[in-house]
Amino acid sequence: MHKLVIFVGVLALVYKSEAKRFTRCELVRELKRQGFPKDQIRDWVCLIENESRRFTNRVSRMNSNGSRDYGLFQINDKYWCNNGPTPGKDCNVRCNDLLTEDITVAATCAKKIYNRHKFRAWYGWLNHCQRKLPNIMFC
């Protein structure tokens, strides 16, 4: 039992070291670096702030349909990522791969979701961003 506690502790440290909370301006710079269109950056920042609070390692509570949302963009495991050991579903990724400091995989998947559904795929954007977007002028 003692070894299990140590293992879980080490695992938590490793997991935590791969997580990041972006500042708003860091997020703006990273979204630009990831190739998000400049005219959508405020929408993406608003979405991320309302979905994950800018944490890359955010995993939601279980949704009413039994699914969960993962990472910075809160990508749902029912359709987009696989919880198993291999990549899968529409983004062909493992859900855990959406939880790291490097958001390249998550950004690629988020763009795919956007291309199919626009921002309507995210309740955080629907409920908070349609009328008021954050100020990123000083970033």
C-alpha atoms as a PDB file:
ATOM      1  CA  MET A   1       0.000   0.000   0.000  1.00  0.00           C
ATOM      2  CA  HIS A   2       2.865   2.360   0.836  1.00  0.00           C
ATOM      3  CA  LYS A   3       4.362   1.864  -2.638  1.00  0.00           C
ATOM      4  CA  LEU A   4       1.007   2.698  -4.234  1.00  0.00           C
ATOM      5  CA  VAL A   5       0.821   6.003  -2.343  1.00  0.00           C
ATOM      6  CA  ILE A   6       4.348   6.909  -3.456  1.00  0.00           C
ATOM      7  CA  PHE A   7       3.561   5.932  -7.053  1.00  0.00           C
ATOM      8  CA  VAL A   8       0.408   8.071  -7.090  1.00  0.00           C
ATOM      9  CA  GLY A   9       2.348  10.990  -5.609  1.00  0.00           C
ATOM     10  CA  VAL A  10       5.081  10.753  -8.251  1.00  0.00           C
ATOM     11  CA  LEU A  11       2.458  10.410 -10.977  1.00  0.00           C
ATOM     12  CA  ALA A  12       0.708  13.554  -9.710  1.00  0.00           C
ATOM     13  CA  LEU A  13       3.984  15.499  -9.811  1.00  0.00           C
ATOM     14  CA  VAL A  14       4.713  14.372 -13.365  1.00  0.00           C
ATOM     15  CA  TYR A  15       1.154  15.160 -14.446  1.00  0.00           C
ATOM     16  CA  LYS A  16       1.249  18.572 -12.751  1.00  0.00           C
ATOM     17  CA  SER A  17       4.551  19.463 -14.405  1.00  0.00           C
ATOM     18  CA  GLU A  18       2.952  19.114 -17.837  1.00  0.00           C
ATOM     19  CA  ALA A  19       0.100  21.486 -16.982  1.00  0.00           C
ATOM     20  CA  LYS A  20       0.025  25.218 -17.462  1.00  0.00           C
ATOM     21  CA  ARG A  21      -2.259  28.115 -16.679  1.00  0.00           C
ATOM     22  CA  PHE A  22      -1.840  30.781 -19.309  1.00  0.00           C
ATOM     23  CA  THR A  23      -2.134  34.458 -18.571  1.00  0.00           C
ATOM     24  CA  ARG A  24      -4.478  36.173 -20.994  1.00  0.00           C
ATOM     25  CA  CYS A  25      -1.608  37.691 -22.987  1.00  0.00           C
ATOM     26  CA  GLU A  26       0.346  34.417 -23.062  1.00  0.00           C
ATOM     27  CA  LEU A  27      -2.789  32.774 -24.403  1.00  0.00           C
ATOM     28  CA  VAL A  28      -3.169  35.414 -27.130  1.00  0.00           C
ATOM     29  CA  ARG A  29       0.441  34.883 -28.218  1.00  0.00           C
ATOM     30  CA  GLU A  30       0.070  31.085 -28.180  1.00  0.00           C
ATOM     31  CA  LEU A  31      -3.170  31.144 -30.185  1.00  0.00           C
ATOM     32  CA  LYS A  32      -1.475  33.329 -32.803  1.00  0.00           C
ATOM     33  CA  ARG A  33       1.514  30.965 -32.845  1.00  0.00           C
ATOM     34  CA  GLN A  34      -0.887  28.032 -33.355  1.00  0.00           C
ATOM     35  CA  GLY A  35      -2.327  29.763 -36.424  1.00  0.00           C
ATOM     36  CA  PHE A  36      -5.739  30.812 -35.160  1.00  0.00           C
ATOM     37  CA  PRO A  37      -7.177  33.616 -37.324  1.00  0.00           C
ATOM     38  CA  LYS A  38      -6.464  37.049 -35.833  1.00  0.00           C
ATOM     39  CA  ASP A  39     -10.086  38.128 -36.197  1.00  0.00           C
ATOM     40  CA  GLN A  40     -11.173  35.176 -33.990  1.00  0.00           C
ATOM     41  CA  ILE A  41      -8.588  35.485 -31.203  1.00  0.00           C
ATOM     42  CA  ARG A  42     -10.958  37.354 -28.847  1.00  0.00           C
ATOM     43  CA  ASP A  43     -13.599  34.637 -29.368  1.00  0.00           C
ATOM     44  CA  TRP A  44     -11.098  31.875 -28.629  1.00  0.00           C
ATOM     45  CA  VAL A  45      -9.785  33.672 -25.530  1.00  0.00           C
ATOM     46  CA  CYS A  46     -13.348  34.136 -24.264  1.00  0.00           C
ATOM     47  CA  LEU A  47     -14.183  30.493 -24.970  1.00  0.00           C
ATOM     48  CA  ILE A  48     -11.070  29.230 -23.175  1.00  0.00           C
ATOM     49  CA  GLU A  49     -11.543  31.527 -20.190  1.00  0.00           C
ATOM     50  CA  ASN A  50     -15.116  30.315 -19.760  1.00  0.00           C
ATOM     51  CA  GLU A  51     -14.439  26.642 -20.465  1.00  0.00           C
ATOM     52  CA  SER A  52     -11.130  25.891 -18.717  1.00  0.00           C
ATOM     53  CA  ARG A  53     -10.108  29.149 -16.990  1.00  0.00           C
ATOM     54  CA  ARG A  54      -6.942  28.926 -19.144  1.00  0.00           C
ATOM     55  CA  PHE A  55      -5.760  25.658 -17.474  1.00  0.00           C
ATOM     56  CA  THR A  56      -4.343  23.076 -19.886  1.00  0.00           C
ATOM     57  CA  ASN A  57      -4.978  20.162 -17.506  1.00  0.00           C
ATOM     58  CA  ARG A  58      -8.658  20.848 -16.825  1.00  0.00           C
ATOM     59  CA  VAL A  59     -10.973  17.812 -16.881  1.00  0.00           C
ATOM     60  CA  SER A  60     -14.663  18.514 -16.358  1.00  0.00           C
ATOM     61  CA  ARG A  61     -17.018  16.753 -14.053  1.00  0.00           C
ATOM     62  CA  MET A  62     -19.091  14.108 -15.753  1.00  0.00           C
ATOM     63  CA  ASN A  63     -21.655  15.623 -18.115  1.00  0.00           C
ATOM     64  CA  SER A  64     -25.298  14.506 -18.053  1.00  0.00           C
ATOM     65  CA  ASN A  65     -24.607  12.104 -20.944  1.00  0.00           C
ATOM     66  CA  GLY A  66     -21.680  10.453 -19.129  1.00  0.00           C
ATOM     67  CA  SER A  67     -18.974  12.217 -21.150  1.00  0.00           C
ATOM     68  CA  ARG A  68     -16.202  14.531 -19.936  1.00  0.00           C
ATOM     69  CA  ASP A  69     -14.439  17.559 -21.425  1.00  0.00           C
ATOM     70  CA  TYR A  70     -10.645  17.797 -21.604  1.00  0.00           C
ATOM     71  CA  GLY A  71      -7.960  20.429 -21.694  1.00  0.00           C
ATOM     72  CA  LEU A  72      -7.728  24.092 -22.510  1.00  0.00           C
ATOM     73  CA  PHE A  73     -10.552  23.937 -25.057  1.00  0.00           C
ATOM     74  CA  GLN A  74     -12.656  21.432 -23.054  1.00  0.00           C
ATOM     75  CA  ILE A  75     -12.889  18.910 -25.873  1.00  0.00           C
ATOM     76  CA  ASN A  76     -15.553  16.274 -25.311  1.00  0.00           C
ATOM     77  CA  ASP A  77     -14.667  12.567 -25.182  1.00  0.00           C
ATOM     78  CA  LYS A  78     -17.992  11.411 -26.594  1.00  0.00           C
ATOM     79  CA  TYR A  79     -17.071  12.515 -30.118  1.00  0.00           C
ATOM     80  CA  TRP A  80     -13.562  13.921 -30.311  1.00  0.00           C
ATOM     81  CA  CYS A  81     -10.988  12.076 -28.167  1.00  0.00           C
ATOM     82  CA  ASN A  82     -10.450   8.535 -26.891  1.00  0.00           C
ATOM     83  CA  ASN A  83     -10.024   7.718 -23.210  1.00  0.00           C
ATOM     84  CA  GLY A  84      -8.172   4.495 -23.973  1.00  0.00           C
ATOM     85  CA  PRO A  85      -4.479   3.903 -24.570  1.00  0.00           C
ATOM     86  CA  THR A  86      -4.719   4.571 -28.307  1.00  0.00           C
ATOM     87  CA  PRO A  87      -5.780   7.651 -30.285  1.00  0.00           C
ATOM     88  CA  GLY A  88      -9.304   7.681 -31.615  1.00  0.00           C
ATOM     89  CA  LYS A  89     -12.622   9.336 -32.386  1.00  0.00           C
ATOM     90  CA  ASP A  90     -12.947  12.307 -34.760  1.00  0.00           C
ATOM     91  CA  CYS A  91      -9.728  14.089 -33.742  1.00  0.00           C
ATOM     92  CA  ASN A  92      -7.825  10.786 -33.593  1.00  0.00           C
ATOM     93  CA  VAL A  93      -6.217  11.690 -30.248  1.00  0.00           C
ATOM     94  CA  ARG A  94      -6.093  10.364 -26.719  1.00  0.00           C
ATOM     95  CA  CYS A  95      -7.948  12.615 -24.274  1.00  0.00           C
ATOM     96  CA  ASN A  96      -4.854  12.745 -22.051  1.00  0.00           C
ATOM     97  CA  ASP A  97      -2.904  14.242 -24.974  1.00  0.00           C
ATOM     98  CA  LEU A  98      -5.176  17.304 -24.669  1.00  0.00           C
ATOM     99  CA  LEU A  99      -3.992  18.026 -21.122  1.00  0.00           C
ATOM    100  CA  THR A 100      -0.381  19.044 -21.678  1.00  0.00           C
ATOM    101  CA  GLU A 101       1.399  22.387 -21.688  1.00  0.00           C
ATOM    102  CA  ASP A 102       2.040  22.009 -25.425  1.00  0.00           C
ATOM    103  CA  ILE A 103      -1.378  22.805 -26.877  1.00  0.00           C
ATOM    104  CA  THR A 104      -0.600  21.831 -30.464  1.00  0.00           C
ATOM    105  CA  VAL A 105      -2.727  18.657 -30.431  1.00  0.00           C
ATOM    106  CA  ALA A 106      -5.581  20.383 -28.591  1.00  0.00           C
ATOM    107  CA  ALA A 107      -5.456  23.380 -30.945  1.00  0.00           C
ATOM    108  CA  THR A 108      -5.604  21.143 -34.020  1.00  0.00           C
ATOM    109  CA  CYS A 109      -8.629  19.329 -32.605  1.00  0.00           C
ATOM    110  CA  ALA A 110     -10.341  22.594 -31.585  1.00  0.00           C
ATOM    111  CA  LYS A 111      -9.916  23.930 -35.134  1.00  0.00           C
ATOM    112  CA  LYS A 112     -11.491  20.749 -36.497  1.00  0.00           C
ATOM    113  CA  ILE A 113     -14.449  21.145 -34.157  1.00  0.00           C
ATOM    114  CA  TYR A 114     -14.770  24.812 -35.140  1.00  0.00           C
ATOM    115  CA  ASN A 115     -14.687  23.976 -38.848  1.00  0.00           C
ATOM    116  CA  ARG A 116     -17.671  21.656 -38.364  1.00  0.00           C
ATOM    117  CA  HIS A 117     -19.732  23.521 -35.765  1.00  0.00           C
ATOM    118  CA  LYS A 118     -18.232  27.025 -35.363  1.00  0.00           C
ATOM    119  CA  PHE A 119     -18.292  28.285 -31.771  1.00  0.00           C
ATOM    120  CA  ARG A 120     -21.735  26.717 -31.211  1.00  0.00           C
ATOM    121  CA  ALA A 121     -19.946  23.519 -30.136  1.00  0.00           C
ATOM    122  CA  TRP A 122     -18.960  25.150 -26.822  1.00  0.00           C
ATOM    123  CA  TYR A 123     -21.469  26.195 -24.152  1.00  0.00           C
ATOM    124  CA  GLY A 124     -18.864  28.497 -22.606  1.00  0.00           C
ATOM    125  CA  TRP A 125     -18.865  30.554 -25.789  1.00  0.00           C
ATOM    126  CA  LEU A 126     -22.633  30.322 -26.314  1.00  0.00           C
ATOM    127  CA  ASN A 127     -23.432  31.428 -22.770  1.00  0.00           C
ATOM    128  CA  HIS A 128     -20.764  34.109 -22.276  1.00  0.00           C
ATOM    129  CA  CYS A 129     -19.140  35.299 -25.482  1.00  0.00           C
ATOM    130  CA  GLN A 130     -21.781  36.088 -28.075  1.00  0.00           C
ATOM    131  CA  ARG A 131     -22.367  39.620 -26.784  1.00  0.00           C
ATOM    132  CA  LYS A 132     -19.169  40.556 -24.964  1.00  0.00           C
ATOM    133  CA  LEU A 133     -15.599  39.593 -25.800  1.00  0.00           C
ATOM    134  CA  PRO A 134     -12.530  40.209 -23.608  1.00  0.00           C
ATOM    135  CA  ASN A 135     -10.187  43.091 -24.190  1.00  0.00           C
ATOM    136  CA  ILE A 136      -6.854  41.898 -25.586  1.00  0.00           C
ATOM    137  CA  MET A 137      -5.705  45.288 -26.857  1.00  0.00           C
ATOM    138  CA  PHE A 138      -2.719  45.436 -24.500  1.00  0.00           C
ATOM    139  CA  CYS A 139      -1.445  41.988 -25.442  1.00  0.00           C
END
